Structure formats: C-alpha cells, structure tokens
Amino acid sequence: MAGLARWTTSLPWLLLFAALATFAVFAAQWNSTRQLNAKILDRSIEKMTPPPTDPRARYAVAWNLERSQHFDEAIRVFTGVQVAADPALAAQAWFALGNVYFQKSIKASRESVREGPKAEDAEFGLARDAYRAALRIDPMLHGARYNLELLERMAPPRPGEGWRRTTDPIAIQPDRHAGWTTIRESKKRGLP
C-alpha cells in the first residue's frame, strides 16, 4: 500500500516533466522555423554560405530564384530538394522544377525564330518528365496534371509522331507510324 501511495504522488511530477520536455522541443522547433522564415523574407538565406541543408529552406531559396527569373540557379537548387525525405516536399520540388523548365522553354521559344528542333524542345521534354515524376509521387497533385496537359498543347509538334496513351495514366508513349494512321479494332461502328 505504501508503494502505491509513493507511485501516485510521483506520477504527477513525471507527467509535468514530460509536458515540460515536450514544450521545450516544440519551442525549439518553433524558434528555428521563425528564424528560417525571417531569413526567407529578407532574402538573406540566398546569401548564406554554405547553403542551408534543410530541404524546406532550399525549396524557399529555389522558389525565390525562380521568381527573380534566375532559372539555371533555381534548377540547380530544386534538383537538390528532390531527394528530400518528405514525399510531399519532393513532389512539390518536381512540380516546381517542371515549372522552371516550362518557363525557360517558353521564354527561349519566344526569343528565337522557329527553324527546327532547338534547345527549348529539349526543355519541354525535361518539363514533361518533371511533371510526370511529381505525379508518380503524388497522383493528386492537380497543378502538375494541369501543367502537363497545358505543356502537351503548347509544345512544338514532333514530325512523324502520333501519341497513344498506354495503361500508365501518366506516361504518353510516342507512336511511330511513318505516315500511316493507326486504327484499333473495335466492335462499335459509326460515329461516336
């Protein structure tokens, strides 16, 4: 009976100690997040040497670089964020990387005269691959799906290639048909 009384009197102290330890951990996390947000707002995080190792901070740096149209630097930083342990942040990084490539290819195509396949065509392909990677991580990322469809409509046509969807809802495989149309057999006849 005496052991039970001693246990019940020490239990509130243990709970109080656990609550204070939890409060200290959350206060430290809140303080580091507050300092990170302050550095992002005054843009001093971009000048940090060495660059921040926190994936959220690297994402913020890349986002600021993209907004100021430093596309090559933003691509370099977003590429480092893609390997983040958090899948949601990795999907957002792939999505943002696709946006950077898309903006870069649109800017390059507006500045050049269309004489054939150029570097912006490759960047359209890189943007397409980045959007698909984001959708593989998070299929419900509607912005990536929308931008992928927009990119498919805006990308320059590829001569001699048609497009056919496969069983993968994200990937679109090129169908090389050398000028002949591809007709699939169907039991339905007539107009749809």
N, C-alpha and C. Protein backbone atom coordinates (compact mmCIF):
# COMPACT_ATOMS: atom_id res chain seq x y z
N MET A 1 0.82 -1.19 0.00
CA MET A 1 0.00 0.00 0.00
C MET A 1 0.86 1.26 0.00
N ALA A 2 1.99 1.18 0.71
CA ALA A 2 2.86 2.36 0.79
C ALA A 2 3.52 2.62 -0.57
N GLY A 3 3.81 1.54 -1.34
CA GLY A 3 4.41 1.69 -2.66
C GLY A 3 3.44 2.36 -3.63
N LEU A 4 2.15 2.04 -3.50
CA LEU A 4 1.14 2.64 -4.35
C LEU A 4 1.00 4.13 -4.07
N ALA A 5 1.05 4.50 -2.81
CA ALA A 5 0.94 5.92 -2.45
C ALA A 5 2.14 6.70 -2.98
N ARG A 6 3.32 6.09 -2.88
CA ARG A 6 4.51 6.78 -3.39
C ARG A 6 4.44 6.91 -4.91
N TRP A 7 3.92 5.90 -5.60
CA TRP A 7 3.78 5.93 -7.07
C TRP A 7 2.78 7.00 -7.51
N THR A 8 1.68 7.12 -6.80
CA THR A 8 0.67 8.10 -7.19
C THR A 8 1.13 9.52 -6.91
N THR A 9 2.01 9.74 -5.95
CA THR A 9 2.50 11.09 -5.71
C THR A 9 3.60 11.46 -6.72
N SER A 10 4.33 10.48 -7.24
CA SER A 10 5.39 10.80 -8.20
C SER A 10 4.84 10.86 -9.64
N LEU A 11 3.68 10.29 -9.89
CA LEU A 11 3.09 10.30 -11.23
C LEU A 11 2.81 11.72 -11.74
N PRO A 12 2.22 12.62 -10.96
CA PRO A 12 2.01 13.98 -11.46
C PRO A 12 3.33 14.69 -11.79
N TRP A 13 4.37 14.41 -10.98
CA TRP A 13 5.66 15.03 -11.27
C TRP A 13 6.25 14.50 -12.57
N LEU A 14 6.08 13.21 -12.83
CA LEU A 14 6.56 12.65 -14.09
C LEU A 14 5.80 13.23 -15.29
N LEU A 15 4.50 13.37 -15.14
CA LEU A 15 3.70 13.95 -16.22
C LEU A 15 4.08 15.41 -16.46
N LEU A 16 4.33 16.15 -15.38
CA LEU A 16 4.74 17.53 -15.52
C LEU A 16 6.10 17.63 -16.22
N PHE A 17 7.03 16.76 -15.87
CA PHE A 17 8.35 16.75 -16.50
C PHE A 17 8.23 16.40 -17.99
N ALA A 18 7.38 15.42 -18.34
CA ALA A 18 7.18 15.05 -19.75
C ALA A 18 6.56 16.21 -20.53
N ALA A 19 5.60 16.90 -19.93
CA ALA A 19 4.97 18.04 -20.59
C ALA A 19 5.97 19.17 -20.81
N LEU A 20 6.82 19.44 -19.83
CA LEU A 20 7.82 20.48 -19.98
C LEU A 20 8.86 20.12 -21.03
N ALA A 21 9.25 18.85 -21.11
CA ALA A 21 10.20 18.42 -22.13
C ALA A 21 9.60 18.55 -23.53
N THR A 22 8.33 18.16 -23.66
CA THR A 22 7.64 18.30 -24.95
C THR A 22 7.52 19.76 -25.34
N PHE A 23 7.20 20.61 -24.37
CA PHE A 23 7.10 22.04 -24.64
C PHE A 23 8.45 22.60 -25.09
N ALA A 24 9.52 22.17 -24.48
CA ALA A 24 10.86 22.66 -24.85
C ALA A 24 11.22 22.25 -26.28
N VAL A 25 10.88 21.02 -26.66
CA VAL A 25 11.16 20.56 -28.03
C VAL A 25 10.38 21.37 -29.04
N PHE A 26 9.08 21.56 -28.81
CA PHE A 26 8.26 22.33 -29.74
C PHE A 26 8.68 23.80 -29.78
N ALA A 27 9.10 24.35 -28.65
CA ALA A 27 9.56 25.74 -28.63
C ALA A 27 10.84 25.90 -29.45
N ALA A 28 11.73 24.93 -29.38
CA ALA A 28 12.96 24.98 -30.17
C ALA A 28 12.64 24.88 -31.67
N GLN A 29 11.71 23.97 -32.04
CA GLN A 29 11.31 23.85 -33.43
C GLN A 29 10.63 25.13 -33.93
N TRP A 30 9.79 25.72 -33.10
CA TRP A 30 9.10 26.94 -33.48
C TRP A 30 10.10 28.07 -33.68
N ASN A 31 11.09 28.16 -32.79
CA ASN A 31 12.10 29.21 -32.90
C ASN A 31 12.94 29.06 -34.17
N SER A 32 13.33 27.83 -34.50
CA SER A 32 14.12 27.62 -35.72
C SER A 32 13.29 27.92 -36.97
N THR A 33 12.00 27.58 -36.96
CA THR A 33 11.13 27.89 -38.08
C THR A 33 10.92 29.39 -38.21
N ARG A 34 10.79 30.09 -37.09
CA ARG A 34 10.63 31.54 -37.11
C ARG A 34 11.87 32.21 -37.67
N GLN A 35 13.05 31.75 -37.28
CA GLN A 35 14.29 32.31 -37.81
C GLN A 35 14.43 32.03 -39.31
N LEU A 36 14.05 30.81 -39.73
CA LEU A 36 14.11 30.46 -41.15
C LEU A 36 13.17 31.34 -41.97
N ASN A 37 11.96 31.57 -41.46
CA ASN A 37 11.00 32.43 -42.16
C ASN A 37 11.51 33.87 -42.27
N ALA A 38 12.16 34.36 -41.21
CA ALA A 38 12.71 35.71 -41.25
C ALA A 38 13.81 35.81 -42.30
N LYS A 39 14.65 34.79 -42.41
CA LYS A 39 15.72 34.80 -43.41
C LYS A 39 15.15 34.70 -44.83
N ILE A 40 14.05 33.97 -44.99
CA ILE A 40 13.41 33.86 -46.30
C ILE A 40 12.81 35.20 -46.70
N LEU A 41 12.16 35.89 -45.75
CA LEU A 41 11.52 37.16 -46.07
C LEU A 41 12.50 38.25 -46.42
N ASP A 42 13.61 38.33 -45.71
CA ASP A 42 14.58 39.38 -46.04
C ASP A 42 15.62 38.94 -47.06
N ARG A 43 15.45 37.73 -47.60
CA ARG A 43 16.28 37.16 -48.67
C ARG A 43 17.74 37.01 -48.28
N SER A 44 18.02 36.97 -46.99
CA SER A 44 19.40 36.74 -46.57
C SER A 44 19.76 35.26 -46.66
N ILE A 45 18.75 34.41 -46.81
CA ILE A 45 19.02 32.97 -46.91
C ILE A 45 19.73 32.63 -48.22
N GLU A 46 19.52 33.44 -49.26
CA GLU A 46 20.16 33.18 -50.55
C GLU A 46 21.65 33.45 -50.50
N LYS A 47 22.08 34.27 -49.56
CA LYS A 47 23.49 34.64 -49.47
C LYS A 47 24.25 33.81 -48.43
N MET A 48 23.57 32.84 -47.82
CA MET A 48 24.22 32.04 -46.79
C MET A 48 25.30 31.16 -47.40
N THR A 49 26.43 31.10 -46.74
CA THR A 49 27.49 30.17 -47.15
C THR A 49 27.89 29.38 -45.93
N PRO A 50 27.87 28.10 -45.93
CA PRO A 50 27.37 27.25 -47.01
C PRO A 50 25.84 27.34 -47.11
N PRO A 51 25.29 26.91 -48.25
CA PRO A 51 23.83 26.98 -48.41
C PRO A 51 23.13 26.14 -47.34
N PRO A 52 21.89 26.48 -47.03
CA PRO A 52 21.17 25.73 -45.99
C PRO A 52 20.99 24.26 -46.38
N THR A 53 21.00 23.41 -45.37
CA THR A 53 20.84 21.97 -45.63
C THR A 53 19.40 21.52 -45.45
N ASP A 54 18.59 22.32 -44.79
CA ASP A 54 17.19 21.98 -44.60
C ASP A 54 16.47 22.01 -45.94
N PRO A 55 15.78 20.92 -46.34
CA PRO A 55 15.10 20.90 -47.65
C PRO A 55 14.06 22.01 -47.80
N ARG A 56 13.39 22.38 -46.71
CA ARG A 56 12.40 23.46 -46.81
C ARG A 56 13.07 24.78 -47.13
N ALA A 57 14.24 25.02 -46.54
CA ALA A 57 14.96 26.26 -46.81
C ALA A 57 15.50 26.26 -48.23
N ARG A 58 15.99 25.13 -48.70
CA ARG A 58 16.49 25.05 -50.08
C ARG A 58 15.34 25.27 -51.07
N TYR A 59 14.16 24.74 -50.75
CA TYR A 59 12.99 24.95 -51.61
C TYR A 59 12.65 26.45 -51.67
N ALA A 60 12.71 27.12 -50.52
CA ALA A 60 12.41 28.56 -50.49
C ALA A 60 13.43 29.35 -51.30
N VAL A 61 14.69 28.98 -51.20
CA VAL A 61 15.73 29.65 -51.97
C VAL A 61 15.47 29.46 -53.47
N ALA A 62 15.18 28.24 -53.86
CA ALA A 62 14.91 27.95 -55.28
C ALA A 62 13.67 28.68 -55.76
N TRP A 63 12.67 28.75 -54.93
CA TRP A 63 11.43 29.44 -55.30
C TRP A 63 11.70 30.92 -55.53
N ASN A 64 12.50 31.54 -54.64
CA ASN A 64 12.86 32.96 -54.82
C ASN A 64 13.69 33.15 -56.09
N LEU A 65 14.59 32.22 -56.38
CA LEU A 65 15.39 32.32 -57.59
C LEU A 65 14.52 32.20 -58.84
N GLU A 66 13.53 31.31 -58.78
CA GLU A 66 12.62 31.18 -59.93
C GLU A 66 11.82 32.46 -60.14
N ARG A 67 11.33 33.05 -59.06
CA ARG A 67 10.53 34.28 -59.17
C ARG A 67 11.36 35.44 -59.71
N SER A 68 12.66 35.46 -59.42
CA SER A 68 13.51 36.53 -59.94
C SER A 68 14.11 36.15 -61.29
N GLN A 69 13.63 35.06 -61.89
CA GLN A 69 13.98 34.57 -63.23
C GLN A 69 15.46 34.21 -63.38
N HIS A 70 16.04 33.65 -62.32
CA HIS A 70 17.37 33.04 -62.39
C HIS A 70 17.14 31.53 -62.53
N PHE A 71 16.75 31.12 -63.74
CA PHE A 71 16.26 29.77 -63.95
C PHE A 71 17.33 28.70 -63.75
N ASP A 72 18.54 28.94 -64.24
CA ASP A 72 19.58 27.92 -64.12
C ASP A 72 19.95 27.65 -62.67
N GLU A 73 20.03 28.71 -61.86
CA GLU A 73 20.33 28.53 -60.44
C GLU A 73 19.16 27.85 -59.73
N ALA A 74 17.94 28.20 -60.10
CA ALA A 74 16.76 27.57 -59.49
C ALA A 74 16.72 26.08 -59.81
N ILE A 75 17.08 25.72 -61.04
CA ILE A 75 17.11 24.30 -61.42
C ILE A 75 18.12 23.55 -60.56
N ARG A 76 19.28 24.15 -60.35
CA ARG A 76 20.33 23.51 -59.54
C ARG A 76 19.85 23.28 -58.11
N VAL A 77 19.18 24.26 -57.52
CA VAL A 77 18.74 24.14 -56.13
C VAL A 77 17.54 23.20 -56.02
N PHE A 78 16.58 23.28 -56.96
CA PHE A 78 15.43 22.38 -56.92
C PHE A 78 15.87 20.92 -57.07
N THR A 79 16.92 20.69 -57.84
CA THR A 79 17.41 19.32 -58.02
C THR A 79 17.91 18.77 -56.69
N GLY A 80 18.47 19.60 -55.84
CA GLY A 80 18.90 19.15 -54.52
C GLY A 80 17.76 18.88 -53.58
N VAL A 81 16.60 19.50 -53.80
CA VAL A 81 15.46 19.32 -52.92
C VAL A 81 14.69 18.04 -53.25
N GLN A 82 14.83 17.53 -54.47
CA GLN A 82 14.04 16.37 -54.90
C GLN A 82 14.30 15.14 -54.06
N VAL A 83 15.46 15.04 -53.47
CA VAL A 83 15.79 13.84 -52.70
C VAL A 83 15.37 13.98 -51.24
N ALA A 84 14.47 14.92 -50.96
CA ALA A 84 14.00 15.13 -49.60
C ALA A 84 13.31 13.88 -49.07
N ALA A 85 13.42 13.69 -47.76
CA ALA A 85 12.80 12.51 -47.15
C ALA A 85 11.28 12.61 -47.16
N ASP A 86 10.76 13.82 -47.15
CA ASP A 86 9.32 14.05 -47.15
C ASP A 86 8.79 13.92 -48.57
N PRO A 87 7.91 12.93 -48.86
CA PRO A 87 7.42 12.76 -50.23
C PRO A 87 6.62 13.96 -50.74
N ALA A 88 5.89 14.63 -49.86
CA ALA A 88 5.11 15.79 -50.31
C ALA A 88 6.03 16.91 -50.77
N LEU A 89 7.13 17.14 -50.06
CA LEU A 89 8.07 18.16 -50.46
C LEU A 89 8.79 17.76 -51.74
N ALA A 90 9.10 16.48 -51.89
CA ALA A 90 9.75 16.01 -53.11
C ALA A 90 8.83 16.19 -54.32
N ALA A 91 7.54 15.88 -54.15
CA ALA A 91 6.58 16.07 -55.25
C ALA A 91 6.47 17.54 -55.61
N GLN A 92 6.43 18.41 -54.60
CA GLN A 92 6.36 19.85 -54.87
C GLN A 92 7.63 20.33 -55.57
N ALA A 93 8.79 19.75 -55.21
CA ALA A 93 10.04 20.14 -55.85
C ALA A 93 10.06 19.72 -57.32
N TRP A 94 9.56 18.51 -57.61
CA TRP A 94 9.48 18.07 -59.01
C TRP A 94 8.52 18.97 -59.79
N PHE A 95 7.40 19.31 -59.18
CA PHE A 95 6.42 20.18 -59.81
C PHE A 95 7.03 21.55 -60.10
N ALA A 96 7.73 22.11 -59.12
CA ALA A 96 8.37 23.41 -59.30
C ALA A 96 9.48 23.34 -60.34
N LEU A 97 10.21 22.23 -60.38
CA LEU A 97 11.25 22.06 -61.38
C LEU A 97 10.65 22.01 -62.78
N GLY A 98 9.51 21.33 -62.91
CA GLY A 98 8.80 21.33 -64.19
C GLY A 98 8.36 22.73 -64.59
N ASN A 99 7.91 23.51 -63.60
CA ASN A 99 7.51 24.89 -63.90
C ASN A 99 8.69 25.72 -64.39
N VAL A 100 9.86 25.51 -63.78
CA VAL A 100 11.05 26.27 -64.19
C VAL A 100 11.42 25.92 -65.63
N TYR A 101 11.46 24.60 -65.93
CA TYR A 101 11.79 24.19 -67.30
C TYR A 101 10.75 24.70 -68.30
N PHE A 102 9.48 24.68 -67.90
CA PHE A 102 8.41 25.15 -68.77
C PHE A 102 8.57 26.64 -69.05
N GLN A 103 8.82 27.44 -68.01
CA GLN A 103 9.01 28.87 -68.20
C GLN A 103 10.25 29.15 -69.05
N LYS A 104 11.30 28.40 -68.80
CA LYS A 104 12.54 28.60 -69.54
C LYS A 104 12.34 28.28 -71.02
N SER A 105 11.62 27.20 -71.31
CA SER A 105 11.39 26.83 -72.71
C SER A 105 10.46 27.81 -73.41
N ILE A 106 9.46 28.33 -72.72
CA ILE A 106 8.58 29.33 -73.32
C ILE A 106 9.35 30.61 -73.61
N LYS A 107 10.19 31.02 -72.66
CA LYS A 107 10.99 32.22 -72.87
C LYS A 107 11.95 32.04 -74.05
N ALA A 108 12.58 30.87 -74.15
CA ALA A 108 13.51 30.61 -75.25
C ALA A 108 12.78 30.54 -76.58
N SER A 109 11.58 29.97 -76.60
CA SER A 109 10.86 29.86 -77.87
C SER A 109 10.33 31.21 -78.33
N ARG A 110 10.05 32.10 -77.41
CA ARG A 110 9.61 33.44 -77.80
C ARG A 110 10.77 34.27 -78.36
N GLU A 111 11.97 34.01 -77.87
CA GLU A 111 13.12 34.79 -78.29
C GLU A 111 13.74 34.30 -79.59
N SER A 112 13.44 33.08 -79.98
CA SER A 112 14.09 32.54 -81.17
C SER A 112 13.08 32.39 -82.31
N VAL A 113 13.61 32.33 -83.50
CA VAL A 113 12.80 32.07 -84.68
C VAL A 113 12.77 30.56 -84.88
N ARG A 114 11.60 30.02 -85.13
CA ARG A 114 11.45 28.57 -85.26
C ARG A 114 12.07 28.08 -86.57
N GLU A 115 13.20 27.39 -86.48
CA GLU A 115 13.86 26.83 -87.66
C GLU A 115 13.98 25.32 -87.57
N GLY A 116 13.46 24.74 -86.54
CA GLY A 116 13.57 23.31 -86.35
C GLY A 116 13.76 23.01 -84.87
N PRO A 117 14.09 21.76 -84.54
CA PRO A 117 14.28 21.41 -83.13
C PRO A 117 15.44 22.19 -82.52
N LYS A 118 15.21 22.76 -81.37
CA LYS A 118 16.22 23.55 -80.68
C LYS A 118 16.28 23.14 -79.22
N ALA A 119 17.00 23.92 -78.45
CA ALA A 119 17.19 23.61 -77.03
C ALA A 119 15.87 23.67 -76.27
N GLU A 120 14.96 24.59 -76.67
CA GLU A 120 13.71 24.68 -75.92
C GLU A 120 12.86 23.43 -76.08
N ASP A 121 13.02 22.71 -77.20
CA ASP A 121 12.30 21.45 -77.37
C ASP A 121 12.75 20.44 -76.32
N ALA A 122 14.04 20.42 -76.04
CA ALA A 122 14.56 19.53 -75.01
C ALA A 122 14.06 19.95 -73.64
N GLU A 123 13.95 21.26 -73.42
CA GLU A 123 13.45 21.73 -72.13
C GLU A 123 11.96 21.44 -71.97
N PHE A 124 11.20 21.45 -73.06
CA PHE A 124 9.82 20.99 -72.98
C PHE A 124 9.80 19.54 -72.52
N GLY A 125 10.70 18.72 -73.03
CA GLY A 125 10.78 17.32 -72.62
C GLY A 125 11.18 17.17 -71.16
N LEU A 126 12.12 18.01 -70.69
CA LEU A 126 12.52 17.96 -69.28
C LEU A 126 11.37 18.38 -68.38
N ALA A 127 10.61 19.39 -68.80
CA ALA A 127 9.44 19.81 -68.02
C ALA A 127 8.41 18.69 -67.96
N ARG A 128 8.20 18.04 -69.09
CA ARG A 128 7.25 16.92 -69.16
C ARG A 128 7.67 15.80 -68.19
N ASP A 129 8.96 15.47 -68.19
CA ASP A 129 9.46 14.42 -67.30
C ASP A 129 9.34 14.82 -65.84
N ALA A 130 9.58 16.09 -65.52
CA ALA A 130 9.47 16.55 -64.13
C ALA A 130 8.02 16.49 -63.65
N TYR A 131 7.07 16.90 -64.51
CA TYR A 131 5.66 16.82 -64.12
C TYR A 131 5.24 15.36 -63.90
N ARG A 132 5.72 14.48 -64.75
CA ARG A 132 5.37 13.06 -64.59
C ARG A 132 5.96 12.49 -63.30
N ALA A 133 7.18 12.90 -62.97
CA ALA A 133 7.79 12.43 -61.72
C ALA A 133 6.99 12.93 -60.52
N ALA A 134 6.52 14.19 -60.57
CA ALA A 134 5.70 14.72 -59.48
C ALA A 134 4.40 13.93 -59.35
N LEU A 135 3.81 13.57 -60.49
CA LEU A 135 2.55 12.82 -60.46
C LEU A 135 2.76 11.37 -60.01
N ARG A 136 3.94 10.82 -60.24
CA ARG A 136 4.20 9.47 -59.74
C ARG A 136 4.30 9.46 -58.22
N ILE A 137 4.84 10.54 -57.65
CA ILE A 137 4.95 10.62 -56.19
C ILE A 137 3.59 10.95 -55.58
N ASP A 138 2.90 11.94 -56.16
CA ASP A 138 1.59 12.37 -55.63
C ASP A 138 0.61 12.48 -56.80
N PRO A 139 -0.17 11.42 -57.08
CA PRO A 139 -1.10 11.47 -58.21
C PRO A 139 -2.20 12.51 -58.07
N MET A 140 -2.42 13.02 -56.87
CA MET A 140 -3.48 14.01 -56.66
C MET A 140 -2.96 15.45 -56.76
N LEU A 141 -1.77 15.64 -57.28
CA LEU A 141 -1.20 16.97 -57.45
C LEU A 141 -1.79 17.57 -58.73
N HIS A 142 -2.91 18.25 -58.58
CA HIS A 142 -3.69 18.71 -59.73
C HIS A 142 -2.96 19.76 -60.54
N GLY A 143 -2.13 20.59 -59.91
CA GLY A 143 -1.38 21.60 -60.64
C GLY A 143 -0.42 20.96 -61.63
N ALA A 144 0.22 19.87 -61.23
CA ALA A 144 1.15 19.17 -62.13
C ALA A 144 0.39 18.54 -63.29
N ARG A 145 -0.77 17.97 -63.01
CA ARG A 145 -1.56 17.37 -64.09
C ARG A 145 -2.04 18.43 -65.07
N TYR A 146 -2.49 19.57 -64.54
CA TYR A 146 -2.94 20.66 -65.40
C TYR A 146 -1.79 21.17 -66.27
N ASN A 147 -0.63 21.40 -65.64
CA ASN A 147 0.51 21.92 -66.40
C ASN A 147 1.03 20.91 -67.41
N LEU A 148 0.93 19.62 -67.11
CA LEU A 148 1.33 18.61 -68.08
C LEU A 148 0.43 18.65 -69.30
N GLU A 149 -0.88 18.77 -69.10
CA GLU A 149 -1.81 18.88 -70.22
C GLU A 149 -1.57 20.17 -71.01
N LEU A 150 -1.32 21.27 -70.30
CA LEU A 150 -1.02 22.53 -70.96
C LEU A 150 0.25 22.43 -71.78
N LEU A 151 1.26 21.78 -71.23
CA LEU A 151 2.52 21.60 -71.94
C LEU A 151 2.33 20.77 -73.19
N GLU A 152 1.51 19.72 -73.11
CA GLU A 152 1.25 18.88 -74.29
C GLU A 152 0.58 19.69 -75.40
N ARG A 153 -0.23 20.68 -75.02
CA ARG A 153 -0.89 21.50 -76.03
C ARG A 153 0.04 22.57 -76.59
N MET A 154 0.95 23.08 -75.77
CA MET A 154 1.81 24.19 -76.19
C MET A 154 3.14 23.74 -76.79
N ALA A 155 3.55 22.52 -76.52
CA ALA A 155 4.85 22.06 -77.01
C ALA A 155 4.83 22.00 -78.52
N PRO A 156 5.98 22.25 -79.15
CA PRO A 156 6.01 22.20 -80.61
C PRO A 156 5.72 20.79 -81.11
N PRO A 157 5.07 20.69 -82.26
CA PRO A 157 4.74 19.35 -82.78
C PRO A 157 6.00 18.59 -83.17
N ARG A 158 5.92 17.31 -83.02
CA ARG A 158 7.04 16.45 -83.39
C ARG A 158 6.70 15.76 -84.70
N PRO A 159 7.49 15.98 -85.72
CA PRO A 159 7.16 15.39 -87.02
C PRO A 159 7.24 13.87 -86.99
N GLY A 160 6.26 13.23 -87.59
CA GLY A 160 6.27 11.78 -87.72
C GLY A 160 5.86 11.03 -86.49
N GLU A 161 5.36 11.70 -85.48
CA GLU A 161 4.96 11.01 -84.26
C GLU A 161 3.51 11.31 -83.95
N GLY A 162 2.78 10.29 -83.61
CA GLY A 162 1.46 10.45 -83.05
C GLY A 162 1.57 10.11 -81.58
N TRP A 163 0.48 10.23 -80.85
CA TRP A 163 0.54 9.94 -79.42
C TRP A 163 -0.56 8.95 -79.07
N ARG A 164 -0.19 7.99 -78.27
CA ARG A 164 -1.13 6.97 -77.85
C ARG A 164 -0.95 6.76 -76.36
N ARG A 165 -2.04 6.77 -75.64
CA ARG A 165 -1.97 6.53 -74.20
C ARG A 165 -1.83 5.02 -73.95
N THR A 166 -1.03 4.70 -72.96
CA THR A 166 -0.86 3.31 -72.57
C THR A 166 -1.64 3.07 -71.29
N THR A 167 -1.36 1.98 -70.63
CA THR A 167 -2.05 1.69 -69.39
C THR A 167 -1.59 2.60 -68.26
N ASP A 168 -0.40 3.19 -68.38
CA ASP A 168 0.09 4.12 -67.38
C ASP A 168 -0.64 5.45 -67.59
N PRO A 169 -1.39 5.95 -66.58
CA PRO A 169 -2.17 7.17 -66.81
C PRO A 169 -1.31 8.42 -66.91
N ILE A 170 -0.02 8.32 -66.62
CA ILE A 170 0.84 9.50 -66.65
C ILE A 170 1.67 9.54 -67.92
N ALA A 171 2.26 8.43 -68.29
CA ALA A 171 3.17 8.39 -69.44
C ALA A 171 2.39 8.36 -70.74
N ILE A 172 2.87 9.10 -71.69
CA ILE A 172 2.32 9.08 -73.04
C ILE A 172 3.44 8.60 -73.94
N GLN A 173 3.24 7.46 -74.58
CA GLN A 173 4.28 6.85 -75.39
C GLN A 173 4.18 7.31 -76.84
N PRO A 174 5.31 7.62 -77.46
CA PRO A 174 5.24 8.01 -78.88
C PRO A 174 4.87 6.81 -79.74
N ASP A 175 4.06 7.06 -80.72
CA ASP A 175 3.62 6.01 -81.64
C ASP A 175 4.19 6.36 -83.01
N ARG A 176 5.23 5.66 -83.42
CA ARG A 176 5.86 5.95 -84.71
C ARG A 176 5.12 5.14 -85.78
N HIS A 177 4.47 5.86 -86.66
CA HIS A 177 3.67 5.16 -87.66
C HIS A 177 4.06 5.51 -89.08
N ALA A 178 5.08 6.31 -89.28
CA ALA A 178 5.64 6.61 -90.60
C ALA A 178 4.58 7.09 -91.59
N GLY A 179 3.65 7.89 -91.14
CA GLY A 179 2.68 8.48 -92.05
C GLY A 179 1.36 7.74 -92.14
N TRP A 180 1.30 6.49 -91.70
CA TRP A 180 0.04 5.74 -91.76
C TRP A 180 -0.70 5.91 -90.46
N THR A 181 -2.00 5.96 -90.53
CA THR A 181 -2.78 6.10 -89.31
C THR A 181 -2.86 4.76 -88.61
N THR A 182 -3.00 4.83 -87.33
CA THR A 182 -3.13 3.62 -86.52
C THR A 182 -4.61 3.43 -86.20
N ILE A 183 -5.17 2.33 -86.63
CA ILE A 183 -6.58 2.05 -86.38
C ILE A 183 -6.64 0.83 -85.48
N ARG A 184 -7.34 0.97 -84.40
CA ARG A 184 -7.53 -0.15 -83.49
C ARG A 184 -8.89 -0.76 -83.76
N GLU A 185 -8.93 -2.08 -83.72
CA GLU A 185 -10.18 -2.77 -83.98
C GLU A 185 -11.17 -2.51 -82.85
N SER A 186 -12.40 -2.30 -83.20
CA SER A 186 -13.44 -2.05 -82.24
C SER A 186 -14.73 -2.67 -82.74
N LYS A 187 -15.56 -3.13 -81.82
CA LYS A 187 -16.85 -3.70 -82.20
C LYS A 187 -17.86 -2.60 -82.54
N LYS A 188 -17.60 -1.39 -82.08
CA LYS A 188 -18.51 -0.29 -82.39
C LYS A 188 -18.28 0.19 -83.80
N ARG A 189 -19.32 0.54 -84.48
CA ARG A 189 -19.22 1.07 -85.84
C ARG A 189 -19.97 2.40 -85.89
N GLY A 190 -19.57 3.27 -86.77
CA GLY A 190 -20.26 4.54 -86.93
C GLY A 190 -19.63 5.63 -86.11
N LEU A 191 -20.30 6.75 -86.09
CA LEU A 191 -19.80 7.91 -85.36
C LEU A 191 -20.03 7.74 -83.86
N PRO A 192 -19.18 8.37 -83.07
CA PRO A 192 -19.37 8.25 -81.61
C PRO A 192 -20.58 8.99 -81.12
